Amino acid sequence: MKIVFTLLASGVLLFGFAVSAQAPAEKPLANFEGKPAFAEGIDTGYYVWRDGDKWSVRWTTTGKLRHFTGAVTAEGGELKSLKRIDVESERRVLYPGRAPRIAVGPRGRVYRRGGAPPVVATREQDKFEKDGDGRIVYNSRTDDDIDGFDFKTDAKVTALRFVLEIDGQFRPQLIETGKGNQKAGNVPFIVRLK
């Protein structure tokens, strides 16, 4: 009897895992054309888009330290020209007017107020690398900052698979794509290029 119960319980668990395992959803290429608007007031999010032959992946958070991890994998070809963004120039675009200012206190004392110091003091704290010719992996911690990378694909690539996590979890409601700010809906997702 104990063996039958164990087998039954194992079968239920395996069935549950099979149902919960979700195949990557396919997204139309048109959803990724053009840079999305980075909406203010969003605590955390990913932004993915394509301009010509260049793909861009960005993530941002406003205040709380978050751990962003993931991978982009090419099917049938190679990923080229991996370039990490310049955090300082991207911050100026998203958060204008956050430069420090000089203030004078009630007793005439001069001090510096405000500003947005860089979160990542050195580039070694975060990891952006190509894993072979067809895969990019990254691991980044971001707080009140924007980070990300750009890459290109060769002519042989037929599809791109995106696996994007925030704090170790899939959060498709926090992923926006293309100039229409389309929600991803599912993670991981695949974009067919051909």
Foldseek 3Di string as FASTA:
>chain_A
DVVVVVVVVVVVVVVVVVVPDDDAAADELVQAAAWADPDPPDAKAWEWHDYDQKIWIKIFGEADKKKKWWKKFFPFFFKADKDKDDFVVVCCVVPPPQQWDWDADPVRDIDIDGHDDAPDPDPVVKDWDADPGTMIIIIDIDGRTMIIIMIGIDPRTFKMWIAIDMRRDDDQQRYFHHHVRDGSPDPGHMYTPD
